[in-house]
Structures are given as C-alpha cells and as structure tokens.
Amino acid sequence: MKRLLLIALLMIGLFMGLAGSPAQAGNSANGAKLFNANCAACHMGGNNVILAKKTLKKEALEQYGMASIDAIKNQVTKGKNAMPSFRGRLNSLQIEDVATYVLEQSQMGW
C-alpha cells in the first residue's frame, strides 16, 4: 500500500513538473549572431528599413500579432511581403534562436 501511494505521489509530482514547465526557448546568444549575419541589414536595432512602421519593437510586434516565438518563427520561415523566406538558409533550430533573440530584444527595448 505504501509503495502504491509513493508511486502515485511520484506520478503526480512528475505530471505537475511537466505541466508547469515553460516551453523550451531557443538560444538567444546564437540568435544574436544569426540575426547580425542575416537580419541586421534590414532590422538593425529592431527597426525596419523597408517598412518603417513594421519594426521589431515590442509595440509593433504586439500591434501586428507578432509578439510570440511562434509568430516570429513563422514570419522568418515563410517570409511575407518584402521580407524573404529564410527556409533553406536557416534550419528550424536557427530560426527558433533568431525568434528567441528578437522577442527578448523587443521586450528589453532593443
């Protein structure tokens, strides 16, 4: 009986630990390197040299529904309007790293 109770408590603890853990984010330091090599020409300092109002600043990301890792990953992967797709140039882990870096920088004010 004690063994069954112990197993049940361990399972509950394991479940609670997994359910409460945040989603795995990318590597921001690697994202910074990739951003500087691939994105900074158009987005230096979180700006946008093509469409000035669509920056990578927190307010703009929120306004345009881009204030999440998934939204940024989608944009980088598929491209949109003047922004090219980086699928094929960056792999999915690199894209996640860039997205993590961009979101982190936007939250810190670039």
N, C-alpha and C. Protein backbone atom coordinates (compact mmCIF):
# COMPACT_ATOMS: atom_id res chain seq x y z
N MET A 1 0.82 -1.19 0.00
CA MET A 1 0.00 0.00 0.00
C MET A 1 0.87 1.26 0.00
N LYS A 2 1.93 1.25 0.83
CA LYS A 2 2.82 2.40 0.87
C LYS A 2 3.51 2.59 -0.48
N ARG A 3 3.87 1.48 -1.09
CA ARG A 3 4.54 1.55 -2.39
C ARG A 3 3.60 2.16 -3.43
N LEU A 4 2.35 1.77 -3.43
CA LEU A 4 1.37 2.30 -4.36
C LEU A 4 1.16 3.80 -4.14
N LEU A 5 1.09 4.21 -2.88
CA LEU A 5 0.95 5.62 -2.55
C LEU A 5 2.17 6.41 -3.01
N LEU A 6 3.35 5.86 -2.80
CA LEU A 6 4.59 6.52 -3.22
C LEU A 6 4.62 6.67 -4.74
N ILE A 7 4.24 5.63 -5.45
CA ILE A 7 4.21 5.69 -6.92
C ILE A 7 3.21 6.75 -7.38
N ALA A 8 2.05 6.78 -6.76
CA ALA A 8 1.04 7.77 -7.12
C ALA A 8 1.55 9.19 -6.88
N LEU A 9 2.20 9.42 -5.76
CA LEU A 9 2.74 10.74 -5.46
C LEU A 9 3.84 11.13 -6.44
N LEU A 10 4.69 10.19 -6.79
CA LEU A 10 5.74 10.47 -7.77
C LEU A 10 5.15 10.81 -9.14
N MET A 11 4.12 10.08 -9.53
CA MET A 11 3.48 10.36 -10.82
C MET A 11 2.83 11.74 -10.83
N ILE A 12 2.17 12.09 -9.73
CA ILE A 12 1.55 13.41 -9.63
C ILE A 12 2.63 14.49 -9.68
N GLY A 13 3.71 14.28 -8.96
CA GLY A 13 4.81 15.25 -8.97
C GLY A 13 5.42 15.40 -10.35
N LEU A 14 5.60 14.28 -11.04
CA LEU A 14 6.15 14.32 -12.39
C LEU A 14 5.21 15.07 -13.32
N PHE A 15 3.93 14.76 -13.24
CA PHE A 15 2.94 15.43 -14.08
C PHE A 15 2.91 16.93 -13.80
N MET A 16 2.93 17.31 -12.55
CA MET A 16 2.89 18.73 -12.19
C MET A 16 4.16 19.43 -12.67
N GLY A 17 5.28 18.78 -12.59
CA GLY A 17 6.53 19.36 -13.06
C GLY A 17 6.53 19.58 -14.55
N LEU A 18 6.02 18.63 -15.30
CA LEU A 18 5.97 18.77 -16.75
C LEU A 18 4.93 19.79 -17.18
N ALA A 19 3.81 19.80 -16.52
CA ALA A 19 2.74 20.72 -16.89
C ALA A 19 3.12 22.16 -16.57
N GLY A 20 3.91 22.35 -15.53
CA GLY A 20 4.25 23.71 -15.13
C GLY A 20 5.50 24.26 -15.77
N SER A 21 6.22 23.46 -16.53
CA SER A 21 7.47 23.94 -17.11
C SER A 21 7.20 24.75 -18.36
N PRO A 22 7.94 25.84 -18.56
CA PRO A 22 7.72 26.67 -19.75
C PRO A 22 8.20 25.97 -21.00
N ALA A 23 7.69 26.41 -22.14
CA ALA A 23 8.13 25.85 -23.41
C ALA A 23 9.61 26.14 -23.61
N GLN A 24 10.28 25.24 -24.24
CA GLN A 24 11.70 25.41 -24.49
C GLN A 24 11.92 26.56 -25.45
N ALA A 25 12.72 27.50 -25.04
CA ALA A 25 13.04 28.63 -25.91
C ALA A 25 14.36 28.36 -26.61
N GLY A 26 14.60 29.11 -27.65
CA GLY A 26 15.84 28.96 -28.39
C GLY A 26 17.01 29.59 -27.65
N ASN A 27 18.15 29.53 -28.26
CA ASN A 27 19.39 30.07 -27.72
C ASN A 27 19.55 31.51 -28.19
N SER A 28 19.35 32.45 -27.28
CA SER A 28 19.38 33.87 -27.63
C SER A 28 20.76 34.33 -28.09
N ALA A 29 21.81 33.81 -27.48
CA ALA A 29 23.17 34.21 -27.88
C ALA A 29 23.45 33.79 -29.32
N ASN A 30 23.06 32.57 -29.67
CA ASN A 30 23.22 32.12 -31.05
C ASN A 30 22.29 32.92 -31.97
N GLY A 31 21.09 33.22 -31.48
CA GLY A 31 20.15 34.03 -32.25
C GLY A 31 20.71 35.40 -32.58
N ALA A 32 21.45 35.99 -31.64
CA ALA A 32 22.07 37.30 -31.88
C ALA A 32 23.07 37.23 -33.03
N LYS A 33 23.88 36.18 -33.04
CA LYS A 33 24.86 36.01 -34.13
C LYS A 33 24.16 35.82 -35.47
N LEU A 34 23.13 34.98 -35.46
CA LEU A 34 22.39 34.73 -36.70
C LEU A 34 21.66 35.98 -37.17
N PHE A 35 21.08 36.72 -36.23
CA PHE A 35 20.39 37.97 -36.56
C PHE A 35 21.36 38.95 -37.21
N ASN A 36 22.52 39.11 -36.60
CA ASN A 36 23.50 40.05 -37.14
C ASN A 36 23.97 39.65 -38.54
N ALA A 37 24.06 38.36 -38.79
CA ALA A 37 24.52 37.88 -40.09
C ALA A 37 23.43 37.88 -41.16
N ASN A 38 22.16 37.73 -40.75
CA ASN A 38 21.09 37.53 -41.72
C ASN A 38 19.99 38.60 -41.73
N CYS A 39 19.82 39.30 -40.63
CA CYS A 39 18.65 40.17 -40.48
C CYS A 39 18.99 41.65 -40.28
N ALA A 40 20.16 41.91 -39.74
CA ALA A 40 20.50 43.27 -39.32
C ALA A 40 20.53 44.27 -40.47
N ALA A 41 20.77 43.83 -41.69
CA ALA A 41 20.80 44.76 -42.81
C ALA A 41 19.47 45.51 -42.94
N CYS A 42 18.38 44.84 -42.65
CA CYS A 42 17.06 45.48 -42.71
C CYS A 42 16.49 45.82 -41.33
N HIS A 43 16.98 45.15 -40.29
CA HIS A 43 16.36 45.29 -38.97
C HIS A 43 17.33 45.72 -37.87
N MET A 44 18.36 46.45 -38.21
CA MET A 44 19.33 46.91 -37.22
C MET A 44 18.62 47.67 -36.10
N GLY A 45 18.92 47.28 -34.88
CA GLY A 45 18.33 47.95 -33.72
C GLY A 45 16.83 47.76 -33.59
N GLY A 46 16.29 46.74 -34.24
CA GLY A 46 14.86 46.48 -34.17
C GLY A 46 14.04 47.33 -35.12
N ASN A 47 14.70 48.06 -35.98
CA ASN A 47 13.99 48.91 -36.95
C ASN A 47 13.66 48.12 -38.21
N ASN A 48 13.08 48.79 -39.19
CA ASN A 48 12.75 48.16 -40.46
C ASN A 48 13.02 49.19 -41.55
N VAL A 49 14.03 48.95 -42.36
CA VAL A 49 14.40 49.94 -43.38
C VAL A 49 13.46 49.91 -44.59
N ILE A 50 12.67 48.86 -44.73
CA ILE A 50 11.75 48.74 -45.86
C ILE A 50 10.39 49.33 -45.52
N LEU A 51 9.80 48.88 -44.42
CA LEU A 51 8.50 49.37 -43.95
C LEU A 51 8.70 49.93 -42.54
N ALA A 52 8.93 51.21 -42.45
CA ALA A 52 9.36 51.85 -41.20
C ALA A 52 8.42 51.59 -40.02
N LYS A 53 7.13 51.46 -40.26
CA LYS A 53 6.20 51.27 -39.14
C LYS A 53 6.18 49.83 -38.63
N LYS A 54 6.65 48.88 -39.43
CA LYS A 54 6.64 47.47 -39.02
C LYS A 54 8.00 47.08 -38.46
N THR A 55 8.30 47.63 -37.31
CA THR A 55 9.58 47.37 -36.66
C THR A 55 9.51 46.08 -35.85
N LEU A 56 10.60 45.78 -35.19
CA LEU A 56 10.66 44.64 -34.28
C LEU A 56 10.55 45.11 -32.84
N LYS A 57 10.07 46.32 -32.65
CA LYS A 57 9.87 46.86 -31.31
C LYS A 57 8.62 46.21 -30.70
N LYS A 58 8.59 46.15 -29.40
CA LYS A 58 7.52 45.46 -28.68
C LYS A 58 6.13 45.92 -29.12
N GLU A 59 5.94 47.22 -29.19
CA GLU A 59 4.62 47.76 -29.54
C GLU A 59 4.18 47.33 -30.94
N ALA A 60 5.10 47.36 -31.88
CA ALA A 60 4.77 46.97 -33.25
C ALA A 60 4.50 45.47 -33.34
N LEU A 61 5.32 44.67 -32.66
CA LEU A 61 5.09 43.23 -32.67
C LEU A 61 3.71 42.91 -32.10
N GLU A 62 3.34 43.59 -31.02
CA GLU A 62 2.01 43.37 -30.43
C GLU A 62 0.92 43.84 -31.38
N GLN A 63 1.09 45.00 -31.98
CA GLN A 63 0.08 45.56 -32.88
C GLN A 63 -0.18 44.64 -34.08
N TYR A 64 0.86 44.02 -34.60
CA TYR A 64 0.72 43.19 -35.79
C TYR A 64 0.63 41.70 -35.49
N GLY A 65 0.39 41.34 -34.23
CA GLY A 65 0.21 39.94 -33.86
C GLY A 65 1.47 39.10 -34.00
N MET A 66 2.61 39.72 -33.76
CA MET A 66 3.89 39.03 -33.94
C MET A 66 4.67 38.89 -32.63
N ALA A 67 4.03 39.09 -31.50
CA ALA A 67 4.72 39.10 -30.21
C ALA A 67 4.80 37.72 -29.57
N SER A 68 5.18 36.72 -30.36
CA SER A 68 5.38 35.38 -29.82
C SER A 68 6.47 34.69 -30.63
N ILE A 69 7.09 33.72 -30.00
CA ILE A 69 8.13 32.94 -30.68
C ILE A 69 7.55 32.30 -31.94
N ASP A 70 6.37 31.70 -31.82
CA ASP A 70 5.77 31.01 -32.97
C ASP A 70 5.48 31.95 -34.13
N ALA A 71 4.95 33.13 -33.82
CA ALA A 71 4.64 34.09 -34.89
C ALA A 71 5.92 34.56 -35.60
N ILE A 72 6.95 34.82 -34.82
CA ILE A 72 8.22 35.27 -35.41
C ILE A 72 8.84 34.14 -36.23
N LYS A 73 8.81 32.92 -35.69
CA LYS A 73 9.34 31.77 -36.44
C LYS A 73 8.61 31.61 -37.77
N ASN A 74 7.31 31.76 -37.75
CA ASN A 74 6.52 31.64 -38.97
C ASN A 74 6.93 32.70 -40.00
N GLN A 75 7.09 33.93 -39.54
CA GLN A 75 7.48 35.03 -40.44
C GLN A 75 8.87 34.79 -41.03
N VAL A 76 9.80 34.37 -40.19
CA VAL A 76 11.17 34.12 -40.67
C VAL A 76 11.18 32.93 -41.63
N THR A 77 10.43 31.91 -41.31
CA THR A 77 10.40 30.70 -42.14
C THR A 77 9.74 30.96 -43.50
N LYS A 78 8.60 31.61 -43.49
CA LYS A 78 7.81 31.77 -44.72
C LYS A 78 8.04 33.09 -45.44
N GLY A 79 8.48 34.11 -44.69
CA GLY A 79 8.58 35.44 -45.28
C GLY A 79 7.20 36.02 -45.51
N LYS A 80 7.14 37.28 -45.89
CA LYS A 80 5.86 37.91 -46.18
C LYS A 80 6.14 39.28 -46.77
N ASN A 81 5.42 39.62 -47.81
CA ASN A 81 5.60 40.90 -48.50
C ASN A 81 7.07 41.08 -48.87
N ALA A 82 7.70 42.14 -48.41
CA ALA A 82 9.09 42.42 -48.79
C ALA A 82 10.10 41.52 -48.08
N MET A 83 9.68 40.87 -47.00
CA MET A 83 10.61 40.02 -46.26
C MET A 83 10.71 38.65 -46.91
N PRO A 84 11.93 38.24 -47.23
CA PRO A 84 12.09 36.92 -47.86
C PRO A 84 11.97 35.79 -46.84
N SER A 85 11.71 34.61 -47.34
CA SER A 85 11.72 33.41 -46.51
C SER A 85 13.17 33.03 -46.22
N PHE A 86 13.40 32.58 -45.00
CA PHE A 86 14.74 32.09 -44.65
C PHE A 86 14.77 30.57 -44.56
N ARG A 87 13.69 29.93 -44.98
CA ARG A 87 13.67 28.47 -45.07
C ARG A 87 14.73 28.07 -46.10
N GLY A 88 15.56 27.15 -45.75
CA GLY A 88 16.63 26.74 -46.65
C GLY A 88 17.94 27.45 -46.34
N ARG A 89 17.86 28.67 -45.84
CA ARG A 89 19.08 29.39 -45.42
C ARG A 89 19.38 29.11 -43.96
N LEU A 90 18.32 29.03 -43.15
CA LEU A 90 18.45 28.72 -41.73
C LEU A 90 17.63 27.48 -41.44
N ASN A 91 18.14 26.62 -40.56
CA ASN A 91 17.35 25.45 -40.19
C ASN A 91 16.37 25.83 -39.08
N SER A 92 15.51 24.92 -38.69
CA SER A 92 14.45 25.24 -37.73
C SER A 92 15.00 25.64 -36.37
N LEU A 93 16.10 25.05 -35.94
CA LEU A 93 16.70 25.44 -34.65
C LEU A 93 17.29 26.85 -34.73
N GLN A 94 17.91 27.17 -35.84
CA GLN A 94 18.45 28.52 -36.01
C GLN A 94 17.33 29.55 -36.06
N ILE A 95 16.24 29.21 -36.72
CA ILE A 95 15.10 30.13 -36.78
C ILE A 95 14.51 30.34 -35.39
N GLU A 96 14.45 29.28 -34.60
CA GLU A 96 13.97 29.42 -33.22
C GLU A 96 14.91 30.31 -32.41
N ASP A 97 16.20 30.17 -32.63
CA ASP A 97 17.17 31.01 -31.93
C ASP A 97 16.98 32.49 -32.31
N VAL A 98 16.80 32.76 -33.59
CA VAL A 98 16.56 34.14 -34.04
C VAL A 98 15.28 34.68 -33.43
N ALA A 99 14.22 33.88 -33.44
CA ALA A 99 12.94 34.32 -32.89
C ALA A 99 13.07 34.62 -31.39
N THR A 100 13.79 33.78 -30.69
CA THR A 100 14.01 33.99 -29.26
C THR A 100 14.75 35.30 -29.03
N TYR A 101 15.79 35.53 -29.81
CA TYR A 101 16.57 36.77 -29.70
C TYR A 101 15.70 37.99 -29.99
N VAL A 102 14.94 37.95 -31.07
CA VAL A 102 14.10 39.09 -31.46
C VAL A 102 13.08 39.40 -30.36
N LEU A 103 12.40 38.38 -29.87
CA LEU A 103 11.39 38.61 -28.83
C LEU A 103 12.04 39.15 -27.56
N GLU A 104 13.17 38.58 -27.19
CA GLU A 104 13.89 39.04 -26.00
C GLU A 104 14.31 40.50 -26.15
N GLN A 105 14.86 40.85 -27.29
CA GLN A 105 15.29 42.22 -27.53
C GLN A 105 14.10 43.19 -27.54
N SER A 106 13.00 42.76 -28.11
CA SER A 106 11.82 43.64 -28.15
C SER A 106 11.32 43.93 -26.74
N GLN A 107 11.39 42.94 -25.88
CA GLN A 107 10.93 43.12 -24.50
C GLN A 107 11.89 43.99 -23.69
N MET A 108 13.15 44.04 -24.12
CA MET A 108 14.14 44.86 -23.42
C MET A 108 14.32 46.23 -24.07
N GLY A 109 13.58 46.50 -25.14
CA GLY A 109 13.64 47.81 -25.79
C GLY A 109 14.76 47.97 -26.80
N TRP A 110 15.32 46.87 -27.26
CA TRP A 110 16.40 46.89 -28.22
C TRP A 110 17.50 47.76 -27.68
